Protein backbone atom coordinates (compact mmCIF):
# COMPACT_ATOMS: atom_id res chain seq x y z
CA MET A 1 12.08 -8.70 14.50
CA ARG A 2 11.08 -5.16 13.58
CA ILE A 3 8.50 -5.44 10.82
CA VAL A 4 6.80 -3.06 8.42
CA LEU A 5 3.92 -4.84 6.68
CA ALA A 6 2.36 -3.31 3.56
CA LEU A 7 -1.04 -4.81 2.76
CA GLY A 8 -2.18 -4.62 -0.85
CA GLY A 9 -5.59 -3.25 -1.75
CA ASN A 10 -6.72 -6.82 -2.46
CA ALA A 11 -6.43 -7.55 1.27
CA LEU A 12 -9.66 -5.56 1.70
CA LEU A 13 -11.37 -5.60 -1.69
CA ARG A 14 -11.14 -7.89 -4.71
CA PRO A 15 -12.52 -7.40 -8.22
CA ASN A 16 -15.69 -9.48 -7.76
CA ASP A 17 -16.53 -8.18 -4.26
CA ASP A 18 -19.57 -5.94 -3.80
CA GLY A 19 -17.51 -3.22 -2.07
CA THR A 20 -19.63 -3.04 1.09
CA VAL A 21 -18.11 -2.50 4.52
CA GLU A 22 -19.22 -6.01 5.46
CA SER A 23 -17.29 -7.56 2.57
CA GLU A 24 -14.21 -5.45 3.39
CA LEU A 25 -14.34 -6.63 7.01
CA LYS A 26 -14.60 -10.22 5.82
CA ARG A 27 -11.59 -9.75 3.53
CA ALA A 28 -9.58 -8.06 6.30
CA LYS A 29 -10.20 -11.02 8.62
CA GLN A 30 -9.30 -13.52 5.88
CA SER A 31 -6.09 -11.62 5.14
CA LEU A 32 -4.91 -11.16 8.72
CA GLN A 33 -6.06 -14.42 10.32
CA PRO A 34 -3.05 -16.37 8.95
CA ILE A 35 -0.70 -14.03 10.88
CA GLU A 36 -2.76 -13.59 14.05
CA THR A 37 -0.01 -15.19 16.15
CA LEU A 38 2.52 -12.71 14.75
CA LEU A 39 0.16 -9.77 15.39
CA SER A 40 -0.35 -10.93 18.99
CA GLY A 41 3.36 -11.54 19.67
CA ARG A 42 6.27 -9.44 20.90
CA GLU A 43 7.63 -8.22 17.56
CA LYS A 44 7.44 -4.52 16.76
CA ILE A 45 5.04 -4.12 13.84
CA LEU A 46 3.73 -1.29 11.69
CA ILE A 47 1.02 -1.88 9.09
CA THR A 48 0.29 0.23 6.07
CA HIS A 49 -2.21 -0.56 3.34
CA GLY A 50 -3.41 0.26 -0.15
CA ASN A 51 -6.55 2.23 -0.97
CA GLY A 52 -6.67 2.15 -4.79
CA PRO A 53 -10.15 0.62 -5.14
CA GLN A 54 -11.61 2.65 -2.27
CA VAL A 55 -10.26 6.07 -3.26
CA GLY A 56 -11.38 5.43 -6.82
CA ASN A 57 -14.89 4.63 -5.60
CA ALA A 58 -14.84 7.76 -3.43
CA LEU A 59 -14.02 9.84 -6.51
CA LEU A 60 -16.93 8.25 -8.36
CA ARG A 61 -19.30 9.16 -5.52
CA VAL A 62 -18.08 12.75 -5.46
CA GLU A 63 -18.43 13.15 -9.22
CA ALA A 64 -21.91 11.58 -9.23
CA SER A 65 -23.16 13.87 -6.46
CA ILE A 66 -22.19 17.19 -8.10
CA PRO A 67 -23.88 19.72 -7.93
CA LYS A 68 -25.93 18.46 -4.96
CA THR A 69 -22.76 18.35 -2.85
CA PRO A 70 -19.52 20.29 -3.39
CA PRO A 71 -16.51 18.58 -4.99
CA ARG A 72 -13.72 17.28 -2.77
CA PRO A 73 -10.05 17.20 -3.82
CA LEU A 74 -8.18 13.93 -4.10
CA ASP A 75 -5.97 14.57 -1.05
CA HIS A 76 -9.09 14.81 1.14
CA LEU A 77 -10.41 11.55 -0.30
CA VAL A 78 -7.08 9.86 0.46
CA SER A 79 -7.46 11.03 4.07
CA ASP A 80 -11.08 9.82 4.16
CA THR A 81 -10.03 6.34 3.06
CA GLN A 82 -7.04 6.35 5.43
CA GLY A 83 -9.43 6.91 8.31
CA GLY A 84 -12.15 4.50 7.20
CA LEU A 85 -9.83 1.64 6.29
CA GLY A 86 -7.63 2.27 9.33
CA TYR A 87 -10.68 1.94 11.58
CA LEU A 88 -11.69 -1.27 9.84
CA LEU A 89 -8.20 -2.76 10.17
CA GLU A 90 -7.79 -1.66 13.79
CA ARG A 91 -11.04 -3.40 14.74
CA THR A 92 -9.95 -6.54 12.94
CA VAL A 93 -6.48 -6.60 14.48
CA ARG A 94 -7.80 -5.89 17.99
CA ASN A 95 -10.27 -8.75 17.71
CA LEU A 96 -7.58 -11.16 16.53
CA ILE A 97 -5.29 -10.12 19.41
CA LEU A 98 -8.12 -10.60 21.93
CA LYS A 99 -8.82 -14.03 20.45
CA ASN A 100 -5.17 -14.95 21.10
CA ASN A 101 -5.20 -13.49 24.65
CA GLY A 102 -2.65 -10.89 23.59
CA SER A 103 -2.02 -7.56 25.29
CA ARG A 104 -0.70 -5.40 22.47
CA GLU A 105 -2.23 -1.96 21.92
CA VAL A 106 -3.34 -1.01 18.40
CA LEU A 107 -3.73 2.47 16.91
CA ALA A 108 -4.86 3.64 13.47
CA MET A 109 -3.66 7.15 12.66
CA LEU A 110 -3.55 9.46 9.66
CA ALA A 111 -0.21 10.38 8.15
CA GLN A 112 0.74 13.24 5.88
CA VAL A 113 3.60 12.52 3.52
CA GLU A 114 5.70 15.35 2.14
CA ILE A 115 6.35 14.86 -1.56
CA ASP A 116 8.65 16.45 -4.11
CA SER A 117 6.98 19.67 -5.26
CA ASP A 118 8.68 19.42 -8.69
CA LYS A 119 5.92 19.58 -11.32
CA ASP A 120 7.48 16.62 -13.14
CA SER A 121 6.12 14.45 -10.29
CA PHE A 122 2.58 15.21 -11.49
CA ARG A 123 3.13 15.15 -15.23
CA ASN A 124 2.59 11.41 -15.66
CA ALA A 125 -0.49 9.61 -14.37
CA ILE A 126 0.68 6.10 -13.44
CA LYS A 127 -1.20 5.09 -10.27
CA PRO A 128 -4.26 2.87 -10.92
CA ILE A 129 -7.32 3.58 -8.77
CA GLY A 130 -10.97 2.62 -8.69
CA PRO A 131 -12.85 -0.18 -10.45
CA TYR A 132 -12.18 -1.85 -13.80
CA TYR A 133 -14.10 -0.64 -16.85
CA SER A 134 -15.04 -2.31 -20.11
CA ILE A 135 -12.77 -1.61 -23.09
CA GLU A 136 -15.85 -0.28 -24.92
CA ASN A 137 -16.01 2.64 -22.45
CA LYS A 138 -12.55 4.00 -23.33
CA ALA A 139 -13.71 7.00 -25.41
CA GLU A 140 -16.36 7.94 -22.85
CA LEU A 141 -13.88 7.84 -19.97
CA GLU A 142 -11.28 9.86 -21.85
CA ARG A 143 -13.92 12.52 -22.61
CA LYS A 144 -14.13 13.03 -18.84
CA GLY A 145 -10.45 13.99 -18.89
CA TRP A 146 -9.38 10.69 -17.35
CA PHE A 147 -6.14 8.88 -18.10
CA VAL A 148 -6.94 5.19 -18.57
CA LYS A 149 -4.81 2.10 -19.09
CA LYS A 150 -5.70 -1.30 -20.51
CA THR A 151 -5.06 -4.25 -18.16
CA ASP A 152 -5.89 -7.97 -18.20
CA ARG A 153 -9.14 -7.17 -16.35
CA GLY A 154 -10.20 -4.14 -18.40
CA LEU A 155 -9.53 -0.39 -18.29
CA ARG A 156 -8.25 1.27 -15.12
CA ARG A 157 -8.17 4.96 -14.26
CA LEU A 158 -4.71 6.45 -13.61
CA VAL A 159 -3.78 9.44 -11.43
CA PRO A 160 -0.43 11.12 -10.61
CA SER A 161 1.77 9.32 -8.08
CA PRO A 162 4.40 11.69 -6.65
CA LYS A 163 7.47 10.29 -4.87
CA PRO A 164 7.51 10.47 -1.05
CA LYS A 165 10.23 12.42 0.76
CA ARG A 166 9.26 12.43 4.44
CA VAL A 167 6.45 11.29 6.72
CA VAL A 168 5.41 14.38 8.68
CA GLU A 169 4.29 12.44 11.78
CA LEU A 170 7.38 10.18 11.80
CA GLU A 171 8.53 10.94 15.35
CA ILE A 172 5.07 10.16 16.78
CA ILE A 173 5.02 6.91 14.80
CA ARG A 174 8.55 6.07 15.97
CA SER A 175 7.62 6.53 19.63
CA LEU A 176 4.58 4.28 19.29
CA PHE A 177 6.53 1.65 17.33
CA GLU A 178 9.35 1.52 19.90
CA ASN A 179 6.75 1.04 22.65
CA ARG A 180 5.34 -1.98 20.78
CA VAL A 181 2.09 -0.31 19.79
CA LEU A 182 0.91 -1.85 16.53
CA VAL A 183 0.47 1.25 14.39
CA ILE A 184 -1.72 1.26 11.27
CA THR A 185 -0.78 4.36 9.31
CA ALA A 186 0.04 5.97 5.95
CA GLY A 187 -2.79 4.09 4.28
CA GLY A 188 -2.90 4.60 0.55
CA GLY A 189 0.61 6.05 0.75
CA GLY A 190 -0.50 8.77 3.16
CA THR A 191 -1.98 12.15 2.28
CA PRO A 192 0.38 13.98 -0.11
CA VAL A 193 1.45 17.44 1.05
CA VAL A 194 4.05 20.03 0.10
CA THR A 195 5.66 22.75 2.19
CA THR A 196 5.05 26.31 1.08
CA GLU A 197 5.54 29.76 2.62
CA ARG A 198 2.07 29.25 4.14
CA GLY A 199 3.02 25.88 5.68
CA TYR A 200 1.79 22.43 4.64
CA GLU A 201 -0.66 22.26 1.76
CA GLY A 202 -2.40 19.22 0.30
CA VAL A 203 -1.89 18.24 -3.34
CA GLU A 204 -3.90 16.00 -5.62
CA GLY A 205 -2.33 12.59 -6.18
CA VAL A 206 -2.00 9.12 -4.69
CA ILE A 207 1.44 8.12 -3.41
CA ASP A 208 2.50 4.52 -3.93
CA LYS A 209 2.02 2.80 -0.59
CA ASP A 210 4.96 0.43 -1.11
CA SER A 211 7.33 3.39 -1.54
CA VAL A 212 6.07 4.87 1.73
CA ALA A 213 6.32 1.47 3.45
CA SER A 214 9.96 1.24 2.36
CA LEU A 215 10.61 4.80 3.58
CA LEU A 216 9.03 4.05 6.97
CA ALA A 217 10.90 0.74 7.27
CA CYS A 218 14.21 2.53 6.72
CA GLU A 219 13.39 5.36 9.14
CA LEU A 220 12.27 2.91 11.85
CA ASN A 221 15.35 0.67 11.38
CA ALA A 222 13.08 -2.25 10.58
CA THR A 223 14.69 -5.64 9.97
CA HIS A 224 11.91 -6.89 7.66
CA LEU A 225 9.79 -5.22 4.99
CA ILE A 226 6.87 -7.47 4.01
CA ILE A 227 4.82 -6.53 0.96
CA ALA A 228 1.63 -8.58 0.85
CA THR A 229 -0.03 -8.90 -2.53
CA ASP A 230 -2.36 -11.24 -4.44
CA VAL A 231 0.31 -13.71 -5.62
CA ASP A 232 2.61 -16.03 -3.68
CA ASN A 233 5.77 -15.04 -5.57
CA VAL A 234 7.25 -12.47 -7.90
CA TRP A 235 7.74 -14.09 -11.32
CA VAL A 236 9.80 -13.42 -14.42
CA GLY A 237 9.71 -14.34 -18.09
CA LYS A 238 6.95 -15.55 -20.40
CA GLU A 239 6.83 -18.79 -18.43
CA LYS A 240 6.19 -16.79 -15.24
CA THR A 241 9.01 -18.49 -13.37
CA PRO A 242 8.57 -17.78 -9.65
CA LEU A 243 11.45 -16.14 -7.80
CA GLU A 244 12.08 -17.64 -4.38
CA LYS A 245 15.28 -16.78 -2.50
CA ILE A 246 17.18 -14.10 -4.38
CA THR A 247 19.71 -11.38 -3.67
CA LYS A 248 19.07 -7.67 -4.04
CA ASP A 249 21.58 -7.43 -6.89
CA GLU A 250 20.03 -10.36 -8.77
CA ILE A 251 16.48 -9.02 -8.64
CA LYS A 252 17.76 -5.54 -9.49
CA LEU A 253 19.00 -6.91 -12.84
CA TYR A 254 15.51 -8.23 -13.60
CA TYR A 255 14.04 -4.87 -12.56
CA GLU A 256 16.38 -2.93 -14.84
CA LYS A 257 15.42 -5.22 -17.76
CA GLY A 258 11.78 -4.18 -17.30
CA GLU A 259 10.50 -7.53 -15.99
CA PHE A 260 8.13 -5.93 -13.49
CA PRO A 261 5.24 -3.74 -14.72
CA GLU A 262 4.98 -0.12 -13.62
CA GLY A 263 1.94 0.42 -11.41
CA SER A 264 1.90 -3.27 -10.43
CA MET A 265 4.86 -5.44 -9.33
CA GLY A 266 7.46 -2.82 -10.31
CA PRO A 267 6.94 -0.51 -7.30
CA LYS A 268 6.95 -3.49 -4.92
CA VAL A 269 10.29 -4.77 -6.17
CA GLU A 270 11.71 -1.23 -6.22
CA ALA A 271 10.57 -0.70 -2.61
CA GLY A 272 12.29 -3.93 -1.53
CA ILE A 273 15.54 -2.98 -3.28
CA GLN A 274 15.55 0.50 -1.72
CA PHE A 275 14.94 -0.94 1.74
CA LEU A 276 17.89 -3.33 1.45
CA GLU A 277 20.16 -0.66 -0.01
CA ARG A 278 19.48 1.48 3.05
CA GLY A 279 20.37 -1.22 5.58
CA GLY A 280 17.36 -3.54 5.82
CA GLU A 281 17.91 -7.26 6.38
CA MET A 282 15.13 -8.90 4.38
CA ALA A 283 12.34 -7.91 1.99
CA ILE A 284 9.51 -10.37 1.41
CA ILE A 285 6.90 -10.21 -1.37
CA THR A 286 4.13 -12.78 -1.05
CA SER A 287 0.44 -13.34 -0.33
CA THR A 288 -0.94 -12.76 3.17
CA GLU A 289 -1.56 -16.50 3.47
CA LYS A 290 2.16 -17.23 3.04
CA ILE A 291 3.67 -14.52 5.29
CA SER A 292 4.35 -16.81 8.26
CA LEU A 293 5.99 -19.44 6.04
CA ALA A 294 8.01 -16.72 4.27
CA LEU A 295 9.37 -15.49 7.61
CA GLN A 296 10.62 -19.05 8.14
CA GLY A 297 12.21 -19.04 4.68
CA GLU A 298 9.75 -21.55 3.26
CA ALA A 299 7.56 -19.49 0.87
CA GLY A 300 7.30 -16.27 -1.07
CA THR A 301 9.97 -14.19 -2.78
CA ILE A 302 12.65 -13.50 -0.20
CA ILE A 303 15.17 -10.80 -1.08
CA THR A 304 18.36 -10.35 0.94
CA ASN A 305 21.70 -8.64 0.56
């Protein structure tokens, strides 16, 4: 198998966690332990991950420290969280491989992702980042110039989420992947950049990590795209009927009917559909605990052609 695994932000931080590095390490181990045999095996694997909670917290720290420290643009904060979370995941994966007497090398690396420079990409803020806020704080948050959205857990800040076109470091990633190095890259969707007459320039936004995972899976000729989230299955309808084994065309009908929320399950399903349309064999959406069973066809939402 040739696998691209996209870990959701909940793999490292959940709503009631204290947000410390120690709690993130604990969550990383809990998330990856169920697949330690897979990580230690012979399959070619690339891991990417979310950074919504962490980049939102980084923005809060920057805003709270002005004017004592200078402001930092969002693209720099995406890179900061790529590096910090990549380091945390690399340590965790290395330790699990050592525990299983494996010999695979592991590397966390930053990735820049070229996005569409069309201004329409930045007109709508749809990507949720940072912590949840009380509904009573809505007016106060909007006075800061924030876009906020009501969710089941409270208000969430939204930022622009431009569409990815190309991973700048793709050929380096490809070489590592083909040599069975477990690469951890493009965290938080990678750092968004555009090409100008002056070369690459960073832009403010957070790319959807599932879209980038799908793009990487296609470019690396992966057989499997696994999107790990906080539920065991994708569901539909008011009764929340879980989807198990389903074809790309069947789930596409649900997607087109608006069954999957934008900024939540929608991008995950869209990423799976795009991967299969471009030649992938199987897209899996499930919790980290059920990944191994899903690969055996016994759990999760399994999408095929």
